[in-house]
Protein backbone atom coordinates (compact mmCIF):
# COMPACT_ATOMS: atom_id res chain seq x y z
CA MET A 1 0.00 0.00 0.00
CA PHE A 2 1.03 3.60 -0.45
CA GLY A 3 0.96 4.83 3.17
CA LEU A 4 -0.26 8.30 2.29
CA LEU A 5 -1.86 9.84 5.37
CA ARG A 6 -3.63 13.17 4.96
CA PRO A 7 -1.70 16.12 6.46
CA GLN A 8 -2.74 16.93 10.00
CA SER A 9 -2.01 19.63 12.56
CA ASN A 10 -1.55 18.43 16.13
CA LEU A 11 0.99 18.66 18.96
CA CYS A 12 3.73 17.28 16.72
CA ARG A 13 2.70 18.18 13.18
CA SER A 14 1.90 21.39 11.33
CA ALA A 15 -0.17 21.20 8.15
CA ILE A 16 -0.29 24.48 6.25
CA GLU A 17 -2.88 24.97 3.52
CA LEU A 18 -1.40 26.54 0.41
CA SER A 19 -4.69 28.36 -0.02
CA ASN A 20 -3.72 31.90 -0.94
CA MET A 21 -4.26 32.96 -4.53
CA TRP A 22 -1.83 31.24 -6.88
CA LYS A 23 -0.70 32.53 -10.27
CA ILE A 24 -1.59 30.64 -13.41
CA SER A 25 0.62 31.01 -16.47
CA TYR A 26 -0.51 30.11 -19.99
CA HIS A 27 0.00 31.36 -23.55
CA GLY A 28 2.35 34.09 -22.34
CA LYS A 29 -0.14 35.41 -19.75
CA GLU A 30 -0.02 35.26 -15.96
CA LYS A 31 -3.15 35.76 -13.86
CA PRO A 32 -4.36 35.09 -10.31
CA VAL A 33 -6.22 31.81 -9.86
CA ALA A 34 -8.10 30.27 -6.94
CA VAL A 35 -7.03 26.94 -5.44
CA SER A 36 -8.64 24.50 -4.79
CA ALA A 37 -10.92 24.81 -7.81
CA SER A 38 -11.05 23.94 -11.48
CA TRP A 39 -9.60 26.53 -13.84
CA ASN A 40 -12.35 26.20 -16.46
CA GLU A 41 -14.95 28.66 -15.17
CA GLN A 42 -12.62 31.17 -13.51
CA TYR A 43 -11.66 32.78 -16.84
CA GLU A 44 -13.47 32.77 -20.17
CA ASP A 45 -10.34 31.85 -22.13
CA LEU A 46 -9.67 28.88 -19.82
CA PHE A 47 -13.05 27.27 -20.32
CA LEU A 48 -11.89 24.71 -22.88
CA GLU A 49 -8.21 24.79 -21.94
CA GLU A 50 -6.47 21.43 -21.58
CA GLY A 51 -2.96 22.68 -20.85
CA PRO A 52 -0.21 22.21 -20.10
CA LEU A 53 -0.19 25.35 -17.99
CA GLU A 54 1.58 26.32 -14.81
CA TYR A 55 0.45 27.11 -11.29
CA ILE A 56 2.95 29.25 -9.36
CA TYR A 57 3.12 29.82 -5.60
CA ASP A 58 5.73 31.50 -3.41
CA ILE A 59 6.25 30.00 0.02
CA ASP A 60 8.53 31.22 2.80
CA VAL A 61 10.46 28.40 4.48
CA PRO A 62 11.82 29.31 7.96
CA MET A 63 15.07 27.89 9.33
CA SER A 64 13.03 26.10 12.03
CA TRP A 65 11.88 23.61 9.38
CA LYS A 66 15.41 22.38 8.82
CA ASN A 67 16.08 18.81 9.97
CA LYS A 68 12.34 18.13 9.90
CA ARG A 69 10.36 15.78 7.67
CA LEU A 70 8.69 17.92 5.01
CA ARG A 71 6.25 16.86 2.34
CA PHE A 72 4.11 18.68 -0.19
CA TYR A 73 0.71 16.98 -0.39
CA PHE A 74 -1.79 17.52 -3.20
CA GLY A 75 -5.36 16.37 -2.51
CA ALA A 76 -5.96 15.98 -6.26
CA VAL A 77 -4.75 17.50 -9.51
CA ASN A 78 -6.55 16.84 -12.77
CA THR A 79 -4.98 15.16 -14.39
CA LYS A 80 -1.26 14.90 -15.20
CA SER A 81 1.16 17.02 -13.24
CA LYS A 82 4.82 17.72 -12.55
CA VAL A 83 5.86 19.56 -9.40
CA TYR A 84 8.94 21.78 -9.28
CA LEU A 85 10.50 23.52 -6.30
CA ASN A 86 12.97 26.24 -7.17
CA ASP A 87 12.96 24.82 -10.72
CA GLU A 88 13.93 21.31 -9.57
CA LEU A 89 11.52 18.46 -10.29
CA ILE A 90 10.39 16.95 -6.97
CA GLY A 91 7.44 14.82 -8.11
CA SER A 92 4.95 13.86 -10.79
CA ASN A 93 1.55 12.22 -10.98
CA ASP A 94 -0.70 10.81 -13.73
CA ILE A 95 -3.79 9.96 -11.68
CA GLY A 96 -6.62 12.44 -11.14
CA TYR A 97 -9.01 12.67 -8.18
CA LEU A 98 -6.53 11.03 -5.76
CA PRO A 99 -3.75 12.47 -3.58
CA PHE A 100 -0.01 12.34 -4.11
CA GLU A 101 2.95 13.80 -2.25
CA CYS A 102 6.40 15.18 -3.10
CA ASP A 103 9.61 15.15 -1.08
CA PRO A 104 11.33 18.58 -1.36
CA ALA A 105 14.67 17.40 0.06
CA GLY A 106 17.58 18.69 -1.99
CA ALA A 107 15.55 21.46 -3.64
CA ILE A 108 14.31 23.44 -0.66
CA LYS A 109 15.98 26.65 0.58
CA TYR A 110 15.66 27.28 4.30
CA GLY A 111 15.38 30.79 5.65
CA SER A 112 14.18 32.24 2.35
CA ALA A 113 11.36 32.35 -0.17
CA ASN A 114 10.84 29.28 -2.34
CA SER A 115 9.06 29.03 -5.68
CA LEU A 116 6.60 26.15 -6.06
CA ARG A 117 5.52 25.47 -9.64
CA VAL A 118 3.01 22.84 -10.76
CA GLU A 119 2.72 22.02 -14.45
CA VAL A 120 -0.76 20.63 -15.14
CA GLU A 121 -2.17 19.00 -18.24
CA ASN A 122 -5.77 17.84 -18.57
CA LYS A 123 -5.71 16.74 -22.19
CA LEU A 124 -8.19 13.93 -22.72
CA SER A 125 -6.74 10.85 -24.36
CA LYS A 126 -7.66 7.23 -24.83
CA ASP A 127 -4.70 6.32 -22.59
CA GLY A 128 -5.88 8.49 -19.68
CA LEU A 129 -8.65 7.95 -17.15
CA PRO A 130 -11.33 9.11 -17.39
CA SER A 131 -10.72 8.66 -21.09
CA GLY A 132 -11.35 10.83 -24.13
CA ARG A 133 -10.64 11.12 -27.83
CA MET A 134 -11.65 7.53 -28.39
CA PRO A 135 -11.89 6.18 -31.95
CA GLY A 136 -15.08 7.53 -33.50
CA PHE A 137 -14.77 10.97 -31.93
CA GLU A 138 -12.66 12.36 -34.75
CA GLU A 139 -15.66 13.48 -36.81
CA GLY A 140 -18.05 14.29 -34.00
CA GLY A 141 -19.09 13.35 -30.51
CA ASN A 142 -18.59 15.39 -27.38
CA PHE A 143 -16.73 18.68 -27.24
CA PRO A 144 -14.49 18.58 -25.25
CA PRO A 145 -14.02 14.99 -26.52
CA ALA A 146 -14.90 13.18 -23.28
CA ASN A 147 -15.85 9.52 -23.33
CA PHE A 148 -18.11 10.17 -20.35
CA ASP A 149 -21.15 12.25 -19.45
CA PHE A 150 -19.74 15.02 -17.25
CA PHE A 151 -17.53 18.01 -17.90
CA PRO A 152 -13.75 17.35 -17.93
CA TYR A 153 -12.64 19.96 -15.40
CA GLY A 154 -8.91 20.55 -14.94
CA GLY A 155 -6.59 22.10 -12.36
CA ILE A 156 -5.54 21.79 -8.73
CA ILE A 157 -9.02 20.74 -7.61
CA ARG A 158 -8.25 19.80 -3.99
CA MET A 159 -6.22 21.58 -1.38
CA PRO A 160 -2.42 21.36 -1.45
CA TYR A 161 -0.51 21.38 1.84
CA VAL A 162 2.99 21.47 3.20
CA GLU A 163 3.33 19.32 6.32
CA ILE A 164 6.15 19.63 8.84
CA SER A 165 6.79 16.74 11.23
CA SER A 166 9.55 14.82 12.94
CA ASN A 167 11.78 12.52 10.90
CA ALA A 168 10.53 9.82 13.25
CA SER A 169 7.00 9.81 11.82
CA ILE A 170 3.93 7.66 11.42
CA LEU A 171 3.41 6.90 7.73
CA ASP A 172 0.20 4.90 7.71
CA LEU A 173 -2.60 3.54 9.89
CA ASN A 174 -4.83 0.67 8.82
CA PHE A 175 -7.87 0.08 11.04
CA ARG A 176 -9.72 -3.24 10.70
CA CYS A 177 -12.81 -4.36 12.61
CA ASP A 178 -14.24 -7.08 10.37
CA GLY A 179 -13.89 -9.73 13.09
CA SER A 180 -16.22 -7.86 15.45
CA ILE A 181 -19.36 -9.57 16.79
CA PRO A 182 -22.29 -7.09 16.84
CA SER A 183 -24.66 -9.51 18.62
CA LYS A 184 -22.28 -9.66 21.58
CA LYS A 185 -21.30 -5.99 21.37
CA LEU A 186 -17.71 -7.16 21.03
CA GLY A 187 -15.46 -4.95 18.94
CA ILE A 188 -12.47 -6.91 17.65
CA VAL A 189 -10.05 -4.38 16.26
CA ASP A 190 -6.70 -4.75 14.50
CA VAL A 191 -4.50 -1.75 13.77
CA LYS A 192 -1.47 -1.85 11.51
CA VAL A 193 0.97 1.04 11.88
CA GLU A 194 3.73 1.90 9.42
CA VAL A 195 6.54 4.22 10.53
CA THR A 196 9.78 5.70 9.22
CA ASP A 197 13.07 3.95 9.95
CA GLU A 198 13.94 6.71 12.43
CA CYS A 199 11.23 5.31 14.73
CA ILE A 200 12.95 1.96 15.25
CA GLY A 201 14.06 1.59 18.84
CA LYS A 202 11.52 4.12 20.12
CA ASP A 203 8.20 3.32 21.78
CA ILE A 204 4.81 3.35 20.06
CA GLU A 205 1.49 3.73 21.85
CA VAL A 206 -1.80 3.00 20.09
CA SER A 207 -5.14 3.73 21.73
CA ILE A 208 -8.76 3.36 20.76
CA GLY A 209 -11.21 4.89 23.17
CA ASP A 210 -9.95 4.08 26.65
CA LEU A 211 -7.83 1.08 25.62
CA LYS A 212 -4.08 1.50 25.12
CA SER A 213 -1.23 -0.70 24.03
CA THR A 214 2.49 0.17 24.02
CA LYS A 215 5.48 -1.64 22.57
CA LYS A 216 9.06 -1.08 21.44
CA ILE A 217 9.32 -0.49 17.69
CA THR A 218 11.39 -3.23 16.09
CA SER A 219 10.37 -2.86 12.43
CA ALA A 220 8.75 -0.41 10.05
CA LYS A 221 5.38 -2.11 10.54
CA GLU A 222 3.78 -2.93 13.88
CA ASP A 223 0.47 -4.69 14.60
CA PHE A 224 -1.94 -4.07 17.48
CA HIS A 225 -5.00 -6.04 18.59
CA PHE A 226 -7.86 -4.82 20.79
CA GLU A 227 -11.05 -6.44 22.08
CA ILE A 228 -13.59 -3.84 23.14
CA LYS A 229 -16.37 -5.20 25.34
CA ASN A 230 -19.75 -3.52 25.24
CA ALA A 231 -18.59 -1.70 22.10
CA SER A 232 -20.66 1.04 20.49
CA PHE A 233 -21.18 0.05 16.86
CA TRP A 234 -21.36 2.53 13.98
CA GLU A 235 -25.00 2.53 12.80
CA LEU A 236 -27.06 4.64 10.41
CA ASP A 237 -29.06 6.23 13.22
CA ASP A 238 -26.13 6.32 15.67
CA PRO A 239 -22.83 6.69 13.78
CA TYR A 240 -20.61 6.33 16.83
CA LEU A 241 -16.96 7.23 16.21
CA TYR A 242 -14.00 6.24 18.34
CA ASP A 243 -10.77 8.22 18.63
CA LEU A 244 -7.88 6.20 17.28
CA LYS A 245 -4.46 7.62 18.23
CA ALA A 246 -0.93 6.51 17.51
CA LYS A 247 2.02 8.12 19.31
CA ILE A 248 5.78 7.79 18.93
CA MET A 249 7.66 8.28 22.22
CA SER A 250 11.39 8.70 22.85
CA VAL A 251 12.57 8.54 26.47
CA GLY A 252 9.12 9.67 27.56
CA ASP A 253 8.93 12.59 25.12
CA LEU A 254 6.23 12.78 22.45
CA VAL A 255 7.90 12.70 19.02
CA ASP A 256 4.96 12.22 16.66
CA GLU A 257 1.26 11.43 16.75
CA TYR A 258 -1.60 10.88 14.36
CA LYS A 259 -5.34 10.82 15.10
CA LEU A 260 -8.26 9.28 13.26
CA LYS A 261 -12.00 9.01 13.82
CA VAL A 262 -13.01 5.39 13.24
CA GLY A 263 -16.18 3.37 13.49
CA ILE A 264 -16.64 -0.25 14.54
CA ARG A 265 -19.02 -1.95 12.15
CA THR A 266 -19.26 -5.04 9.98
CA ILE A 267 -20.34 -5.31 6.34
CA THR A 268 -21.39 -8.76 5.16
CA LEU A 269 -23.67 -10.20 2.46
CA ASP A 270 -26.18 -12.94 2.04
CA ASP A 271 -27.67 -13.85 -1.34
CA LYS A 272 -30.21 -10.97 -1.16
CA HIS A 273 -28.95 -8.32 1.25
CA ILE A 274 -26.18 -6.07 2.37
CA LEU A 275 -25.87 -6.56 6.13
CA LEU A 276 -24.70 -3.72 8.35
CA ASN A 277 -23.74 -5.19 11.74
CA GLY A 278 -25.59 -8.35 10.79
CA LYS A 279 -28.87 -6.62 9.88
CA PRO A 280 -30.21 -6.08 6.34
CA VAL A 281 -30.04 -2.50 5.11
CA LYS A 282 -31.54 -1.08 1.93
CA LEU A 283 -29.55 1.67 0.24
CA LEU A 284 -31.71 4.64 -0.73
CA GLY A 285 -30.00 7.54 -2.40
CA PHE A 286 -28.29 8.78 -5.50
CA GLY A 287 -25.50 8.82 -7.93
CA LYS A 288 -24.21 12.36 -7.90
CA HIS A 289 -21.30 14.56 -8.93
CA GLU A 290 -18.83 16.66 -6.98
CA GLU A 291 -19.49 19.75 -9.12
CA PHE A 292 -20.80 23.29 -8.78
CA PRO A 293 -20.82 26.57 -10.77
CA VAL A 294 -17.49 28.44 -10.97
CA GLU A 295 -15.88 26.05 -8.46
CA GLY A 296 -16.07 23.20 -10.98
CA GLN A 297 -14.84 20.06 -9.23
CA GLY A 298 -13.09 22.00 -6.48
CA THR A 299 -13.76 21.28 -2.83
CA PHE A 300 -16.45 23.74 -1.73
CA LYS A 301 -17.14 23.04 1.95
CA PRO A 302 -20.46 24.95 2.20
CA LEU A 303 -21.77 22.81 -0.67
CA ILE A 304 -20.82 19.62 1.19
CA ILE A 305 -22.89 20.77 4.19
CA LYS A 306 -25.78 21.80 1.94
CA ASP A 307 -25.85 18.51 0.04
CA TYR A 308 -25.86 16.44 3.21
CA ASP A 309 -28.68 18.57 4.58
CA LEU A 310 -30.69 17.88 1.42
CA LEU A 311 -29.87 14.16 1.59
CA LYS A 312 -31.23 14.11 5.15
CA TRP A 313 -34.29 16.13 4.11
CA ILE A 314 -35.19 13.75 1.30
CA GLY A 315 -34.66 10.61 3.41
CA ALA A 316 -31.58 9.20 1.66
CA ASN A 317 -29.06 7.05 3.51
CA SER A 318 -26.40 6.49 0.84
CA PHE A 319 -24.73 7.60 -2.39
CA ARG A 320 -22.16 6.46 -4.91
CA THR A 321 -19.12 8.63 -5.64
CA SER A 322 -19.88 8.54 -9.35
CA HIS A 323 -17.64 8.42 -11.27
CA TYR A 324 -14.45 9.12 -9.32
CA PRO A 325 -13.32 9.40 -5.69
CA TYR A 326 -14.73 12.48 -3.93
CA SER A 327 -12.74 14.71 -1.63
CA GLU A 328 -11.81 13.36 1.78
CA GLU A 329 -14.06 15.95 3.41
CA TRP A 330 -17.04 14.24 1.80
CA LEU A 331 -16.20 10.95 3.50
CA ASP A 332 -15.48 12.63 6.84
CA MET A 333 -19.05 13.94 6.87
CA ALA A 334 -20.48 10.58 5.81
CA ASP A 335 -18.68 9.01 8.79
CA GLU A 336 -20.04 11.64 11.16
CA LEU A 337 -23.61 11.78 9.87
CA GLY A 338 -24.19 8.07 9.17
CA PHE A 339 -24.29 7.67 5.39
CA LEU A 340 -23.29 4.59 3.41
CA VAL A 341 -20.93 5.17 0.50
CA ILE A 342 -20.11 3.14 -2.60
CA ASP A 343 -16.62 4.44 -3.37
CA GLU A 344 -15.90 4.43 -7.10
CA ALA A 345 -12.62 4.48 -9.02
CA PRO A 346 -12.29 7.00 -11.91
CA HIS A 347 -13.00 4.33 -14.52
CA VAL A 348 -15.91 5.36 -16.72
CA GLY A 349 -16.39 4.46 -20.37
CA LEU A 350 -13.82 1.66 -20.50
CA GLU A 351 -13.70 -0.15 -23.84
CA LYS A 352 -11.82 -2.88 -25.69
CA TYR A 353 -8.88 -0.52 -26.16
CA HIS A 354 -8.33 -0.29 -22.42
CA TYR A 355 -8.52 -4.04 -21.89
CA GLU A 356 -5.80 -4.64 -24.49
CA ASN A 357 -3.47 -1.81 -23.48
CA PRO A 358 -0.97 -2.77 -20.71
CA GLU A 359 -0.55 0.91 -19.74
CA THR A 360 -4.24 1.46 -19.01
CA VAL A 361 -4.49 -1.88 -17.23
CA LYS A 362 -1.65 -0.80 -14.95
CA LEU A 363 -3.24 2.63 -14.48
CA CYS A 364 -6.54 1.03 -13.43
CA VAL A 365 -4.78 -1.25 -10.96
CA ASP A 366 -2.86 1.70 -9.49
CA ASP A 367 -6.09 3.73 -9.25
CA ILE A 368 -7.79 1.02 -7.21
CA ARG A 369 -4.81 0.55 -4.90
CA ARG A 370 -4.56 4.28 -4.22
CA LEU A 371 -8.32 4.67 -3.77
CA ILE A 372 -8.46 1.90 -1.18
CA ASP A 373 -5.33 3.12 0.56
CA ARG A 374 -6.81 6.59 0.94
CA ASP A 375 -10.30 5.57 2.08
CA LYS A 376 -9.81 2.26 3.90
CA ASN A 377 -10.36 3.72 7.38
CA HIS A 378 -13.77 5.28 6.72
CA PRO A 379 -16.68 3.32 8.27
CA SER A 380 -19.07 5.00 5.81
CA VAL A 381 -17.35 3.30 2.86
CA ILE A 382 -19.08 -0.07 2.57
CA MET A 383 -18.19 -1.08 -0.98
CA TRP A 384 -15.66 -0.47 -3.75
CA SER A 385 -16.80 0.09 -7.32
CA VAL A 386 -14.09 -0.57 -9.91
CA ALA A 387 -15.88 0.93 -12.94
CA ASN A 388 -19.04 2.53 -14.28
CA GLU A 389 -20.71 1.45 -17.54
CA PRO A 390 -17.76 -0.26 -19.24
CA ASP A 391 -18.13 -2.39 -22.34
CA SER A 392 -18.50 -5.44 -20.16
CA ALA A 393 -20.02 -7.47 -22.99
CA HIS A 394 -16.67 -7.59 -24.78
CA PRO A 395 -14.95 -10.98 -24.30
CA LYS A 396 -11.71 -9.34 -23.14
CA SER A 397 -13.51 -7.58 -20.30
CA ASP A 398 -13.73 -10.93 -18.51
CA GLU A 399 -10.03 -11.22 -17.68
CA PHE A 400 -9.66 -7.45 -17.24
CA PHE A 401 -12.35 -7.14 -14.57
CA LYS A 402 -11.27 -10.30 -12.81
CA LYS A 403 -7.90 -8.57 -12.38
CA LEU A 404 -9.52 -5.42 -10.97
CA TYR A 405 -11.70 -7.46 -8.62
CA ASP A 406 -8.68 -9.42 -7.37
CA THR A 407 -6.73 -6.19 -6.89
CA ALA A 408 -9.48 -4.70 -4.72
CA LYS A 409 -9.81 -7.88 -2.67
CA ASP A 410 -6.06 -8.08 -2.19
CA CYS A 411 -6.03 -4.51 -0.87
CA ASP A 412 -9.13 -4.90 1.28
CA PRO A 413 -10.80 -8.28 1.84
CA THR A 414 -13.27 -6.74 4.31
CA ARG A 415 -15.58 -4.95 1.86
CA PRO A 416 -17.61 -6.20 -1.10
CA VAL A 417 -16.55 -5.17 -4.59
CA THR A 418 -18.84 -4.28 -7.47
CA MET A 419 -18.77 -3.06 -11.07
CA VAL A 420 -21.67 -1.00 -12.44
CA SER A 421 -22.98 -2.52 -15.66
CA CYS A 422 -25.24 -1.01 -18.29
CA VAL A 423 -25.58 -4.19 -20.37
CA PRO A 424 -29.24 -5.35 -20.26
CA PHE A 425 -29.37 -8.85 -18.85
CA CYS A 426 -32.70 -10.15 -20.09
CA LYS A 427 -32.07 -9.73 -23.82
CA LYS A 428 -33.19 -12.77 -25.77
CA SER A 429 -30.27 -12.29 -28.15
CA GLY A 430 -27.29 -10.02 -28.66
CA GLU A 431 -24.67 -8.87 -26.16
CA GLN A 432 -24.39 -10.27 -22.67
CA ASP A 433 -22.34 -9.06 -19.71
CA VAL A 434 -19.36 -11.39 -19.27
CA ALA A 435 -17.68 -9.61 -16.32
CA MET A 436 -20.54 -9.29 -13.83
CA LYS A 437 -20.07 -12.84 -12.57
CA HIS A 438 -16.85 -11.87 -10.79
CA PHE A 439 -18.41 -9.38 -8.37
CA ASP A 440 -19.90 -9.67 -4.89
CA VAL A 441 -22.83 -7.34 -5.57
CA ILE A 442 -24.64 -6.94 -8.90
CA SER A 443 -24.96 -3.25 -9.78
CA VAL A 444 -26.86 -2.13 -12.87
CA ASN A 445 -27.88 1.12 -14.56
CA ARG A 446 -31.23 0.94 -16.37
CA TYR A 447 -33.00 3.66 -18.37
CA TYR A 448 -36.07 1.96 -19.82
CA GLY A 449 -38.57 4.70 -20.57
CA TRP A 450 -35.87 7.25 -21.29
CA TYR A 451 -33.10 6.20 -23.68
CA ASN A 452 -35.35 3.53 -25.14
CA HIS A 453 -39.13 3.14 -25.08
CA GLN A 454 -39.20 6.91 -24.67
CA GLY A 455 -42.26 8.27 -22.95
CA LYS A 456 -43.67 4.80 -22.24
CA ILE A 457 -43.50 4.38 -18.49
CA GLU A 458 -45.79 1.34 -18.41
CA GLU A 459 -43.51 -0.51 -20.84
CA ALA A 460 -40.50 0.62 -18.83
CA GLU A 461 -41.99 -0.91 -15.67
CA LYS A 462 -42.36 -4.30 -17.36
CA LEU A 463 -38.87 -4.23 -18.88
CA LEU A 464 -37.24 -3.23 -15.59
CA SER A 465 -39.12 -5.89 -13.67
CA ASP A 466 -38.13 -8.62 -16.14
CA ASP A 467 -34.53 -7.45 -16.18
CA LEU A 468 -34.22 -7.42 -12.40
CA ASP A 469 -35.84 -10.84 -12.12
CA ALA A 470 -33.34 -12.22 -14.63
CA LEU A 471 -30.46 -10.94 -12.49
CA ARG A 472 -31.59 -13.27 -9.73
CA THR A 473 -29.68 -16.02 -11.51
CA TYR A 474 -26.53 -14.73 -9.83
CA LYS A 475 -27.96 -15.39 -6.34
CA ARG A 476 -26.35 -12.16 -5.12
CA PRO A 477 -27.70 -8.84 -3.85
CA VAL A 478 -28.67 -6.39 -6.59
CA ILE A 479 -28.39 -2.60 -6.57
CA LEU A 480 -30.21 -0.48 -9.13
CA THR A 481 -27.39 2.07 -9.23
CA GLU A 482 -28.97 4.37 -11.83
CA PHE A 483 -32.37 5.13 -13.29
CA GLY A 484 -33.86 8.51 -14.05
CA ALA A 485 -35.23 11.05 -16.50
CA ASP A 486 -34.24 14.59 -17.45
CA ALA A 487 -36.53 17.39 -16.30
CA ILE A 488 -36.13 21.07 -17.06
CA SER A 489 -36.96 22.98 -13.89
CA GLY A 490 -40.20 24.88 -14.39
CA PHE A 491 -41.26 22.93 -17.50
CA HIS A 492 -44.66 21.33 -16.96
CA ALA A 493 -46.90 19.15 -19.09
CA ASN A 494 -50.35 17.58 -18.74
CA PRO A 495 -50.33 14.69 -19.47
CA ALA A 496 -46.79 14.03 -18.27
CA GLN A 497 -44.29 14.18 -21.13
CA MET A 498 -40.54 13.79 -21.39
CA PHE A 499 -38.42 16.63 -19.96
CA SER A 500 -41.33 17.86 -17.83
CA GLU A 501 -41.17 17.77 -14.05
CA GLU A 502 -44.33 15.65 -14.11
CA TYR A 503 -42.74 12.96 -16.27
CA GLN A 504 -39.60 12.78 -14.13
CA SER A 505 -41.66 12.56 -10.95
CA GLU A 506 -44.01 9.86 -12.24
CA TYR A 507 -41.19 7.92 -13.88
CA ILE A 508 -39.08 7.82 -10.71
CA GLU A 509 -42.01 6.91 -8.47
CA ARG A 510 -43.28 4.05 -10.64
CA LEU A 511 -39.89 2.50 -11.40
CA PHE A 512 -38.79 2.89 -7.79
CA LYS A 513 -41.81 0.84 -6.72
CA VAL A 514 -40.95 -1.89 -9.24
CA ALA A 515 -37.47 -2.27 -7.79
CA ASP A 516 -38.62 -1.82 -4.19
CA GLU A 517 -40.93 -4.85 -4.45
CA LYS A 518 -38.00 -7.19 -5.21
CA ASP A 519 -36.65 -8.62 -1.96
CA PHE A 520 -33.21 -9.21 -3.52
CA VAL A 521 -32.80 -5.55 -4.57
CA THR A 522 -30.74 -4.23 -1.68
CA GLY A 523 -30.29 -0.71 -3.02
CA ILE A 524 -32.03 1.84 -5.24
CA HIS A 525 -30.14 4.93 -6.37
CA VAL A 526 -31.72 7.61 -8.52
CA TRP A 527 -29.65 9.31 -11.20
CA ALA A 528 -29.02 12.02 -10.28
CA PHE A 529 -28.95 14.08 -7.12
CA ALA A 530 -28.52 17.43 -8.90
CA ASP A 531 -28.19 18.71 -12.45
CA PHE A 532 -24.59 18.91 -13.63
CA LYS A 533 -22.50 20.30 -16.45
CA THR A 534 -21.49 18.12 -19.41
CA ALA A 535 -19.43 18.42 -22.55
CA GLN A 536 -21.30 19.89 -25.52
CA ASN A 537 -23.25 17.50 -27.74
CA ILE A 538 -26.63 17.34 -29.48
CA HIS A 539 -28.13 15.31 -26.61
CA ARG A 540 -27.21 17.73 -23.82
CA PRO A 541 -28.07 21.45 -23.74
CA LEU A 542 -24.86 22.04 -21.68
CA PHE A 543 -26.23 20.13 -18.68
CA ASN A 544 -27.55 16.74 -17.70
CA TYR A 545 -30.97 17.58 -16.24
CA LYS A 546 -31.63 14.27 -14.48
CA GLY A 547 -31.09 15.87 -11.09
CA VAL A 548 -34.03 15.91 -8.72
CA PHE A 549 -32.44 19.15 -7.52
CA THR A 550 -31.29 21.91 -9.81
CA ARG A 551 -27.59 22.65 -10.11
CA ASP A 552 -28.04 25.41 -7.49
CA ARG A 553 -29.86 22.91 -5.21
CA ASN A 554 -33.53 23.85 -5.53
CA PRO A 555 -35.95 20.88 -5.47
CA LYS A 556 -37.90 19.75 -8.51
CA MET A 557 -41.23 17.94 -8.19
CA ALA A 558 -39.40 14.58 -8.13
CA ALA A 559 -37.53 15.58 -4.96
CA HIS A 560 -40.82 15.96 -3.09
CA THR A 561 -42.02 12.64 -4.53
CA LEU A 562 -38.92 10.85 -3.28
CA ARG A 563 -39.23 12.49 0.11
CA LYS A 564 -42.69 10.96 0.49
CA LEU A 565 -41.45 7.54 -0.64
CA TRP A 566 -38.29 7.45 1.47
CA ARG A 567 -39.59 9.07 4.66
CA ARG A 568 -42.76 7.00 4.82
């Protein structure tokens, strides 16, 4: 695993947000730019920019930082980046939506100003993920040429930090509670701690709640085991969080520490249900996007609060991070508020090309490893999704997705793994999904009554029912991960017709009831939570309007319909 803990300020560490205005340099111009945010909507001439362009930031480095462990941490940069300090390359990254760090040793100047420069490129290509410029786009398709249905925002989209800590530092914490016994209120907890070599010979203390364990550090990785009697389990209506702390001590002095909020809970499956602490739970919620006007895909904390408030208002208990990992702040709030999260890798629109290309196979494997390493300690994360709507009917997808499934299980055997398919199962002839058989939970997107059988909700009900029944052959829980209809806010029609609020409301209500009646359907997610921006094409007037809330978070008729269904 990567051992990439988020920067933290505490008694031993200082994490400094590099949040002042940066400069952005492109085409011979230099302008102020906000970080963390996408560049696309901050300036008119950056709207369709793919780069490369440069972010520039001046940082004063005091002499007191000398002989400390320093790292520059980037929450996410979309998509390819190279990081320079005082014109020396200190790191690079080719994966968007996930963090990476750079070691400034050898380039940093103490007691003076330092120039941090980040070269960023967001050019869509068939080799990158999410992918673009696929064969067939040359003469048409989306503009920008995205092979996915959301806008390809670029830039330093999540907060960068510089963290100062001791050279004797904690590198990683891995909290596991899958052996716990909810019926006996017994929390069985294992904690793996990874440290720098400078820690060897010192003492390490790990505590969870009131329990503590101390030992001499003899290797870079140390294991701890706790049994918590009368444990408080993390539940939807009572998301209890324990304080997990690790401390490095030297002759009684505190050298380093790291703190996490963790929850004790178990996630298991039977052939029909997801079980939270041994009890069936039905996921009600949405696919959504981390996106907002001007901010783009930047981390906008007031929006996180607003969206969770709306999720509570409507009666949802879950969401999928479609179609990429969300910011860590999103998962922190899910832990605290009691939401269940399907955490998805940035793999959307995968095709034959990706299955045959060793570079993209490696990139997908690295994505999954880094996703799980970042989010493994969140109790809210109950499942990993390795892809959304790939060409999983292609014969070569079989071996490809078996590899991704095995990768996820190798990194984390405690959570189920899924892949979201859009291949209709109950077709009498034609393509069939060949990869779905590898996964623990069957997740499907279905748009009967919208992309086909348009305007015919009664036919859509029958098709969805037959399709879901056919999925029962897998003898595994099923999640309807997407269904929905576009509605232009304020557009009404009697009788209900496509793109009206009435059609969206009736469509969602009737198809929800079809899925809700199936005892093996363990989750129903509406697409989408809110309207969102897309690339330009003849099917999208700049936005996908399937949100039950507008892009600025006002409810459509369908939101009130869902509130009645979910809060009954």
